[in-house]
Amino acid sequence: MADLTPTPDRPGLHVSKPSPNAPATGSAVCHCGATATATGDNQVRALVEGYTANHGAAHGWTGR
């Protein structure tokens, strides 16, 4: 499987939860330079909410 971790060249959001009993992990990189990581279901949920509200599509960037 390809590495789906976001990078400055490939900004985005990646979340993983390998099993129901494992904590979620997440990482985000925005084209504006902001980066973040989180471990634990609640922290990853907050990361996703913050990224979608303030980065990525919120900047109006389409990647073109």
N, C-alpha and C. Protein backbone atom coordinates (compact mmCIF):
# COMPACT_ATOMS: atom_id res chain seq x y z
N MET A 1 0.84 -1.18 0.00
CA MET A 1 0.00 0.00 0.00
C MET A 1 0.89 1.24 0.00
N ALA A 2 0.47 2.25 -0.69
CA ALA A 2 1.21 3.51 -0.77
C ALA A 2 1.17 4.23 0.57
N ASP A 3 2.21 5.02 0.81
CA ASP A 3 2.25 5.85 2.01
C ASP A 3 1.29 7.02 1.81
N LEU A 4 0.29 7.09 2.65
CA LEU A 4 -0.74 8.13 2.52
C LEU A 4 -0.51 9.31 3.45
N THR A 5 0.63 9.33 4.14
CA THR A 5 0.93 10.42 5.05
C THR A 5 1.08 11.73 4.26
N PRO A 6 0.37 12.78 4.66
CA PRO A 6 0.49 14.05 3.94
C PRO A 6 1.88 14.66 4.09
N THR A 7 2.31 15.38 3.07
CA THR A 7 3.60 16.06 3.06
C THR A 7 3.38 17.46 2.50
N PRO A 8 4.37 18.34 2.60
CA PRO A 8 4.21 19.67 1.99
C PRO A 8 3.94 19.60 0.48
N ASP A 9 4.48 18.57 -0.18
CA ASP A 9 4.23 18.40 -1.61
C ASP A 9 2.86 17.78 -1.89
N ARG A 10 2.33 17.04 -0.92
CA ARG A 10 1.01 16.40 -1.03
C ARG A 10 0.22 16.70 0.24
N PRO A 11 -0.26 17.95 0.39
CA PRO A 11 -0.98 18.29 1.62
C PRO A 11 -2.28 17.51 1.73
N GLY A 12 -2.73 17.37 2.95
CA GLY A 12 -4.00 16.68 3.18
C GLY A 12 -4.11 16.20 4.60
N LEU A 13 -5.03 15.31 4.79
CA LEU A 13 -5.37 14.78 6.11
C LEU A 13 -5.36 13.26 6.02
N HIS A 14 -4.72 12.60 6.98
CA HIS A 14 -4.70 11.13 7.01
C HIS A 14 -5.05 10.67 8.41
N VAL A 15 -6.02 9.75 8.50
CA VAL A 15 -6.45 9.18 9.77
C VAL A 15 -6.38 7.67 9.66
N SER A 16 -5.91 7.03 10.72
CA SER A 16 -5.82 5.58 10.75
C SER A 16 -6.33 5.06 12.09
N LYS A 17 -7.05 3.96 12.03
CA LYS A 17 -7.50 3.26 13.24
C LYS A 17 -7.51 1.78 12.88
N PRO A 18 -6.37 1.10 13.11
CA PRO A 18 -6.22 -0.27 12.62
C PRO A 18 -7.19 -1.29 13.21
N SER A 19 -7.71 -1.03 14.39
CA SER A 19 -8.69 -1.94 14.98
C SER A 19 -9.56 -1.15 15.95
N PRO A 20 -10.73 -1.69 16.29
CA PRO A 20 -11.61 -0.97 17.22
C PRO A 20 -10.98 -0.70 18.58
N ASN A 21 -10.02 -1.54 18.98
CA ASN A 21 -9.40 -1.38 20.29
C ASN A 21 -8.14 -0.51 20.27
N ALA A 22 -7.65 -0.17 19.09
CA ALA A 22 -6.44 0.65 18.97
C ALA A 22 -6.82 2.12 18.92
N PRO A 23 -5.97 2.99 19.45
CA PRO A 23 -6.26 4.42 19.35
C PRO A 23 -6.08 4.91 17.91
N ALA A 24 -6.88 5.85 17.53
CA ALA A 24 -6.73 6.47 16.21
C ALA A 24 -5.48 7.33 16.19
N THR A 25 -4.89 7.47 15.01
CA THR A 25 -3.79 8.41 14.81
C THR A 25 -4.13 9.25 13.59
N GLY A 26 -3.64 10.47 13.59
CA GLY A 26 -3.92 11.34 12.46
C GLY A 26 -2.79 12.32 12.22
N SER A 27 -2.66 12.74 10.98
CA SER A 27 -1.69 13.77 10.63
C SER A 27 -2.30 14.65 9.56
N ALA A 28 -1.91 15.91 9.58
CA ALA A 28 -2.42 16.88 8.62
C ALA A 28 -1.31 17.82 8.21
N VAL A 29 -1.29 18.15 6.93
CA VAL A 29 -0.38 19.14 6.39
C VAL A 29 -1.19 20.01 5.45
N CYS A 30 -1.11 21.31 5.63
CA CYS A 30 -1.84 22.24 4.78
C CYS A 30 -0.86 22.91 3.82
N HIS A 31 -1.34 23.31 2.67
CA HIS A 31 -0.49 24.00 1.70
C HIS A 31 0.02 25.33 2.25
N CYS A 32 -0.61 25.86 3.32
CA CYS A 32 -0.14 27.11 3.93
C CYS A 32 1.07 26.88 4.83
N GLY A 33 1.42 25.60 5.07
CA GLY A 33 2.57 25.29 5.91
C GLY A 33 2.22 24.75 7.28
N ALA A 34 0.97 24.82 7.68
CA ALA A 34 0.56 24.30 8.98
C ALA A 34 0.63 22.78 8.99
N THR A 35 1.09 22.21 10.10
CA THR A 35 1.15 20.77 10.27
C THR A 35 0.63 20.41 11.65
N ALA A 36 0.10 19.20 11.79
CA ALA A 36 -0.39 18.74 13.09
C ALA A 36 -0.44 17.22 13.09
N THR A 37 -0.28 16.64 14.26
CA THR A 37 -0.47 15.20 14.46
C THR A 37 -1.30 15.01 15.71
N ALA A 38 -1.95 13.86 15.81
CA ALA A 38 -2.76 13.56 16.98
C ALA A 38 -2.80 12.05 17.19
N THR A 39 -2.92 11.66 18.45
CA THR A 39 -3.07 10.26 18.81
C THR A 39 -4.21 10.16 19.82
N GLY A 40 -5.11 9.22 19.62
CA GLY A 40 -6.27 9.05 20.48
C GLY A 40 -7.52 9.52 19.76
N ASP A 41 -8.59 8.81 19.96
CA ASP A 41 -9.82 9.09 19.23
C ASP A 41 -10.30 10.53 19.36
N ASN A 42 -10.34 11.05 20.57
CA ASN A 42 -10.83 12.42 20.77
C ASN A 42 -9.89 13.46 20.17
N GLN A 43 -8.59 13.23 20.31
CA GLN A 43 -7.63 14.18 19.76
C GLN A 43 -7.67 14.16 18.23
N VAL A 44 -7.82 12.99 17.63
CA VAL A 44 -7.90 12.89 16.17
C VAL A 44 -9.19 13.55 15.68
N ARG A 45 -10.27 13.35 16.39
CA ARG A 45 -11.53 14.02 16.03
C ARG A 45 -11.34 15.54 16.02
N ALA A 46 -10.66 16.07 17.03
CA ALA A 46 -10.40 17.51 17.10
C ALA A 46 -9.48 17.95 15.96
N LEU A 47 -8.49 17.14 15.61
CA LEU A 47 -7.60 17.45 14.49
C LEU A 47 -8.40 17.56 13.20
N VAL A 48 -9.26 16.59 12.94
CA VAL A 48 -10.07 16.60 11.71
C VAL A 48 -10.98 17.83 11.69
N GLU A 49 -11.64 18.11 12.79
CA GLU A 49 -12.54 19.28 12.84
C GLU A 49 -11.76 20.57 12.62
N GLY A 50 -10.61 20.71 13.24
CA GLY A 50 -9.80 21.92 13.09
C GLY A 50 -9.26 22.06 11.67
N TYR A 51 -8.81 20.95 11.08
CA TYR A 51 -8.28 21.01 9.72
C TYR A 51 -9.38 21.38 8.73
N THR A 52 -10.53 20.74 8.83
CA THR A 52 -11.60 21.03 7.87
C THR A 52 -12.16 22.43 8.05
N ALA A 53 -12.12 22.96 9.26
CA ALA A 53 -12.65 24.31 9.50
C ALA A 53 -11.67 25.41 9.12
N ASN A 54 -10.35 25.13 9.23
CA ASN A 54 -9.36 26.20 9.09
C ASN A 54 -8.30 26.00 8.02
N HIS A 55 -8.24 24.83 7.40
CA HIS A 55 -7.19 24.53 6.42
C HIS A 55 -7.79 23.78 5.24
N GLY A 56 -6.92 23.33 4.34
CA GLY A 56 -7.40 22.56 3.20
C GLY A 56 -8.41 23.36 2.39
N ALA A 57 -9.59 22.82 2.25
CA ALA A 57 -10.65 23.46 1.46
C ALA A 57 -11.08 24.81 2.04
N ALA A 58 -10.88 25.01 3.34
CA ALA A 58 -11.26 26.29 3.96
C ALA A 58 -10.48 27.47 3.38
N HIS A 59 -9.29 27.18 2.82
CA HIS A 59 -8.49 28.21 2.18
C HIS A 59 -8.95 28.48 0.74
N GLY A 60 -9.85 27.64 0.23
CA GLY A 60 -10.27 27.78 -1.14
C GLY A 60 -9.26 27.26 -2.14
N TRP A 61 -8.31 26.45 -1.66
CA TRP A 61 -7.27 25.89 -2.51
C TRP A 61 -7.77 24.59 -3.11
N THR A 62 -7.64 24.43 -4.40
CA THR A 62 -8.13 23.22 -5.06
C THR A 62 -7.01 22.29 -5.48
N GLY A 63 -5.76 22.70 -5.31
CA GLY A 63 -4.63 21.87 -5.68
C GLY A 63 -4.28 21.93 -7.13
N ARG A 64 -4.82 22.89 -7.84
CA ARG A 64 -4.53 23.03 -9.28
C ARG A 64 -3.50 24.09 -9.52
